[in-house]
């Protein structure tokens, strides 16, 4: 009987710990368009397609906790403001945020990274 209780407790701890980890999905993202405000006006950058991909991770929220958008070493809290699109902010980097996070019909993730006076639209495919 003691062994049965021990096994039952062990199984419940394992199940609880597995469910407590947030799901993470990784994406490889390339810029689609980019622009910045400069002293001489707005500069639009030419995207060649040869740009190095940016690796991001989306960590799902749990219960009432927000999810996170992880880019390099920055951790952006995902907020849905009721508009159908999500936004993400890093409280440690208030000059940078991610906006217009949504999925296109073909399951491609799209978002805009805004930093200081520059914006870049990224298109992302799920990494395997």
C-alpha atoms as a PDB file:
ATOM      1  CA  UNK A   1       0.000   0.000   0.000  1.00  0.00           C
ATOM      2  CA  UNK A   2       2.866   2.343   0.830  1.00  0.00           C
ATOM      3  CA  UNK A   3       4.443   1.748  -2.599  1.00  0.00           C
ATOM      4  CA  UNK A   4       1.138   2.480  -4.329  1.00  0.00           C
ATOM      5  CA  UNK A   5       0.799   5.834  -2.472  1.00  0.00           C
ATOM      6  CA  UNK A   6       4.406   6.679  -3.327  1.00  0.00           C
ATOM      7  CA  UNK A   7       3.828   5.948  -7.017  1.00  0.00           C
ATOM      8  CA  UNK A   8       0.590   7.966  -7.026  1.00  0.00           C
ATOM      9  CA  UNK A   9       2.292  10.973  -5.422  1.00  0.00           C
ATOM     10  CA  UNK A  10       5.217  10.714  -7.826  1.00  0.00           C
ATOM     11  CA  UNK A  11       2.900  10.588 -10.848  1.00  0.00           C
ATOM     12  CA  UNK A  12       0.926  13.625  -9.671  1.00  0.00           C
ATOM     13  CA  UNK A  13       4.152  15.613  -9.179  1.00  0.00           C
ATOM     14  CA  UNK A  14       5.350  14.670 -12.665  1.00  0.00           C
ATOM     15  CA  UNK A  15       2.015  15.608 -14.262  1.00  0.00           C
ATOM     16  CA  UNK A  16       1.897  18.914 -12.393  1.00  0.00           C
ATOM     17  CA  UNK A  17       5.451  19.853 -13.369  1.00  0.00           C
ATOM     18  CA  UNK A  18       4.886  18.982 -17.042  1.00  0.00           C
ATOM     19  CA  UNK A  19       1.795  21.218 -17.195  1.00  0.00           C
ATOM     20  CA  UNK A  20       3.555  24.108 -15.454  1.00  0.00           C
ATOM     21  CA  UNK A  21       5.997  24.664 -18.334  1.00  0.00           C
ATOM     22  CA  UNK A  22       4.807  27.126 -20.956  1.00  0.00           C
ATOM     23  CA  UNK A  23       4.725  25.970 -24.550  1.00  0.00           C
ATOM     24  CA  UNK A  24       7.427  27.542 -26.698  1.00  0.00           C
ATOM     25  CA  UNK A  25       7.277  27.847 -30.477  1.00  0.00           C
ATOM     26  CA  UNK A  26      10.353  28.908 -32.436  1.00  0.00           C
ATOM     27  CA  UNK A  27      10.328  30.935 -35.652  1.00  0.00           C
ATOM     28  CA  UNK A  28      12.869  32.063 -38.214  1.00  0.00           C
ATOM     29  CA  UNK A  29      12.077  35.604 -39.386  1.00  0.00           C
ATOM     30  CA  UNK A  30      13.258  37.738 -42.283  1.00  0.00           C
ATOM     31  CA  UNK A  31      12.577  41.433 -42.828  1.00  0.00           C
ATOM     32  CA  UNK A  32       9.965  42.239 -45.449  1.00  0.00           C
ATOM     33  CA  UNK A  33      10.244  46.037 -45.282  1.00  0.00           C
ATOM     34  CA  UNK A  34      12.068  48.603 -43.167  1.00  0.00           C
ATOM     35  CA  UNK A  35      12.164  52.372 -42.734  1.00  0.00           C
ATOM     36  CA  UNK A  36      13.626  54.929 -40.345  1.00  0.00           C
ATOM     37  CA  UNK A  37      13.238  58.615 -39.609  1.00  0.00           C
ATOM     38  CA  UNK A  38      16.514  60.437 -40.247  1.00  0.00           C
ATOM     39  CA  UNK A  39      17.486  64.104 -40.044  1.00  0.00           C
ATOM     40  CA  UNK A  40      16.882  64.420 -43.800  1.00  0.00           C
ATOM     41  CA  UNK A  41      13.487  62.683 -43.748  1.00  0.00           C
ATOM     42  CA  UNK A  42      12.192  59.140 -43.907  1.00  0.00           C
ATOM     43  CA  UNK A  43      14.614  56.570 -45.311  1.00  0.00           C
ATOM     44  CA  UNK A  44      13.165  53.353 -46.759  1.00  0.00           C
ATOM     45  CA  UNK A  45      15.636  50.465 -46.819  1.00  0.00           C
ATOM     46  CA  UNK A  46      15.899  48.068 -49.735  1.00  0.00           C
ATOM     47  CA  UNK A  47      15.332  44.450 -48.674  1.00  0.00           C
ATOM     48  CA  UNK A  48      17.405  42.077 -50.801  1.00  0.00           C
ATOM     49  CA  UNK A  49      16.326  38.745 -49.324  1.00  0.00           C
ATOM     50  CA  UNK A  50      19.910  37.975 -48.300  1.00  0.00           C
ATOM     51  CA  UNK A  51      19.435  39.363 -44.783  1.00  0.00           C
ATOM     52  CA  UNK A  52      20.366  37.113 -41.880  1.00  0.00           C
ATOM     53  CA  UNK A  53      17.223  35.601 -40.300  1.00  0.00           C
ATOM     54  CA  UNK A  54      16.201  36.606 -36.787  1.00  0.00           C
ATOM     55  CA  UNK A  55      15.349  33.704 -34.487  1.00  0.00           C
ATOM     56  CA  UNK A  56      12.416  34.339 -32.147  1.00  0.00           C
ATOM     57  CA  UNK A  57      10.489  32.264 -29.640  1.00  0.00           C
ATOM     58  CA  UNK A  58       6.889  32.750 -28.584  1.00  0.00           C
ATOM     59  CA  UNK A  59       6.199  31.466 -25.097  1.00  0.00           C
ATOM     60  CA  UNK A  60       2.506  30.902 -24.398  1.00  0.00           C
ATOM     61  CA  UNK A  61       0.941  32.359 -21.287  1.00  0.00           C
ATOM     62  CA  UNK A  62      -0.588  30.189 -18.586  1.00  0.00           C
ATOM     63  CA  UNK A  63      -3.947  31.027 -16.985  1.00  0.00           C
ATOM     64  CA  UNK A  64      -4.085  34.792 -16.495  1.00  0.00           C
ATOM     65  CA  UNK A  65      -0.343  35.255 -17.108  1.00  0.00           C
ATOM     66  CA  UNK A  66       0.753  36.876 -20.358  1.00  0.00           C
ATOM     67  CA  UNK A  67       2.807  35.104 -22.961  1.00  0.00           C
ATOM     68  CA  UNK A  68       6.206  36.355 -24.070  1.00  0.00           C
ATOM     69  CA  UNK A  69       7.837  37.198 -27.368  1.00  0.00           C
ATOM     70  CA  UNK A  70      11.570  36.409 -27.038  1.00  0.00           C
ATOM     71  CA  UNK A  71      13.920  38.162 -29.474  1.00  0.00           C
ATOM     72  CA  UNK A  72      17.650  37.759 -28.830  1.00  0.00           C
ATOM     73  CA  UNK A  73      18.044  38.660 -25.140  1.00  0.00           C
ATOM     74  CA  UNK A  74      14.878  40.766 -24.931  1.00  0.00           C
ATOM     75  CA  UNK A  75      11.670  39.422 -23.403  1.00  0.00           C
ATOM     76  CA  UNK A  76       8.542  41.235 -24.595  1.00  0.00           C
ATOM     77  CA  UNK A  77       5.285  40.687 -22.695  1.00  0.00           C
ATOM     78  CA  UNK A  78       2.445  39.986 -25.145  1.00  0.00           C
ATOM     79  CA  UNK A  79      -0.691  42.076 -24.637  1.00  0.00           C
ATOM     80  CA  UNK A  80      -3.937  41.762 -26.556  1.00  0.00           C
ATOM     81  CA  UNK A  81      -5.638  45.123 -26.535  1.00  0.00           C
ATOM     82  CA  UNK A  82      -8.909  43.791 -27.937  1.00  0.00           C
ATOM     83  CA  UNK A  83      -8.223  44.856 -31.519  1.00  0.00           C
ATOM     84  CA  UNK A  84      -7.620  41.394 -32.950  1.00  0.00           C
ATOM     85  CA  UNK A  85      -3.882  42.041 -33.082  1.00  0.00           C
ATOM     86  CA  UNK A  86      -1.425  41.568 -30.239  1.00  0.00           C
ATOM     87  CA  UNK A  87       1.322  43.911 -29.059  1.00  0.00           C
ATOM     88  CA  UNK A  88       4.437  43.184 -27.019  1.00  0.00           C
ATOM     89  CA  UNK A  89       6.428  45.452 -24.694  1.00  0.00           C
ATOM     90  CA  UNK A  90       9.634  45.058 -22.717  1.00  0.00           C
ATOM     91  CA  UNK A  91       9.440  47.132 -19.541  1.00  0.00           C
ATOM     92  CA  UNK A  92      13.260  47.310 -19.515  1.00  0.00           C
ATOM     93  CA  UNK A  93      13.393  48.689 -23.068  1.00  0.00           C
ATOM     94  CA  UNK A  94      10.519  51.196 -23.357  1.00  0.00           C
ATOM     95  CA  UNK A  95      11.884  52.623 -26.626  1.00  0.00           C
ATOM     96  CA  UNK A  96      11.347  49.270 -28.349  1.00  0.00           C
ATOM     97  CA  UNK A  97       8.105  47.394 -28.877  1.00  0.00           C
ATOM     98  CA  UNK A  98       6.520  44.840 -31.177  1.00  0.00           C
ATOM     99  CA  UNK A  99       3.185  45.616 -32.774  1.00  0.00           C
ATOM    100  CA  UNK A 100       0.717  44.100 -35.220  1.00  0.00           C
ATOM    101  CA  UNK A 101       1.506  40.504 -34.259  1.00  0.00           C
ATOM    102  CA  UNK A 102      -0.750  38.222 -36.278  1.00  0.00           C
ATOM    103  CA  UNK A 103      -0.773  35.114 -38.457  1.00  0.00           C
ATOM    104  CA  UNK A 104      -1.469  35.292 -42.172  1.00  0.00           C
ATOM    105  CA  UNK A 105      -3.781  32.771 -43.857  1.00  0.00           C
ATOM    106  CA  UNK A 106      -0.821  30.539 -44.791  1.00  0.00           C
ATOM    107  CA  UNK A 107       0.292  30.273 -41.112  1.00  0.00           C
ATOM    108  CA  UNK A 108       3.126  32.787 -41.590  1.00  0.00           C
ATOM    109  CA  UNK A 109       3.719  34.938 -38.505  1.00  0.00           C
ATOM    110  CA  UNK A 110       3.922  38.665 -39.195  1.00  0.00           C
ATOM    111  CA  UNK A 111       4.972  41.434 -36.797  1.00  0.00           C
ATOM    112  CA  UNK A 112       6.479  44.926 -36.756  1.00  0.00           C
ATOM    113  CA  UNK A 113       9.509  45.658 -34.571  1.00  0.00           C
ATOM    114  CA  UNK A 114       9.664  49.360 -33.708  1.00  0.00           C
ATOM    115  CA  UNK A 115      12.871  50.649 -32.142  1.00  0.00           C
ATOM    116  CA  UNK A 116      13.492  54.356 -31.594  1.00  0.00           C
ATOM    117  CA  UNK A 117      12.582  55.931 -34.956  1.00  0.00           C
ATOM    118  CA  UNK A 118      12.905  52.774 -37.062  1.00  0.00           C
ATOM    119  CA  UNK A 119      10.355  50.113 -37.971  1.00  0.00           C
ATOM    120  CA  UNK A 120      10.782  46.728 -39.627  1.00  0.00           C
ATOM    121  CA  UNK A 121       8.088  44.292 -40.724  1.00  0.00           C
ATOM    122  CA  UNK A 122       9.115  40.644 -40.334  1.00  0.00           C
ATOM    123  CA  UNK A 123       7.612  37.524 -41.878  1.00  0.00           C
ATOM    124  CA  UNK A 124       8.320  34.292 -39.984  1.00  0.00           C
ATOM    125  CA  UNK A 125       8.086  30.579 -40.627  1.00  0.00           C
ATOM    126  CA  UNK A 126       7.979  28.090 -37.798  1.00  0.00           C
ATOM    127  CA  UNK A 127      11.350  26.430 -37.168  1.00  0.00           C
ATOM    128  CA  UNK A 128      11.485  22.674 -36.959  1.00  0.00           C
END
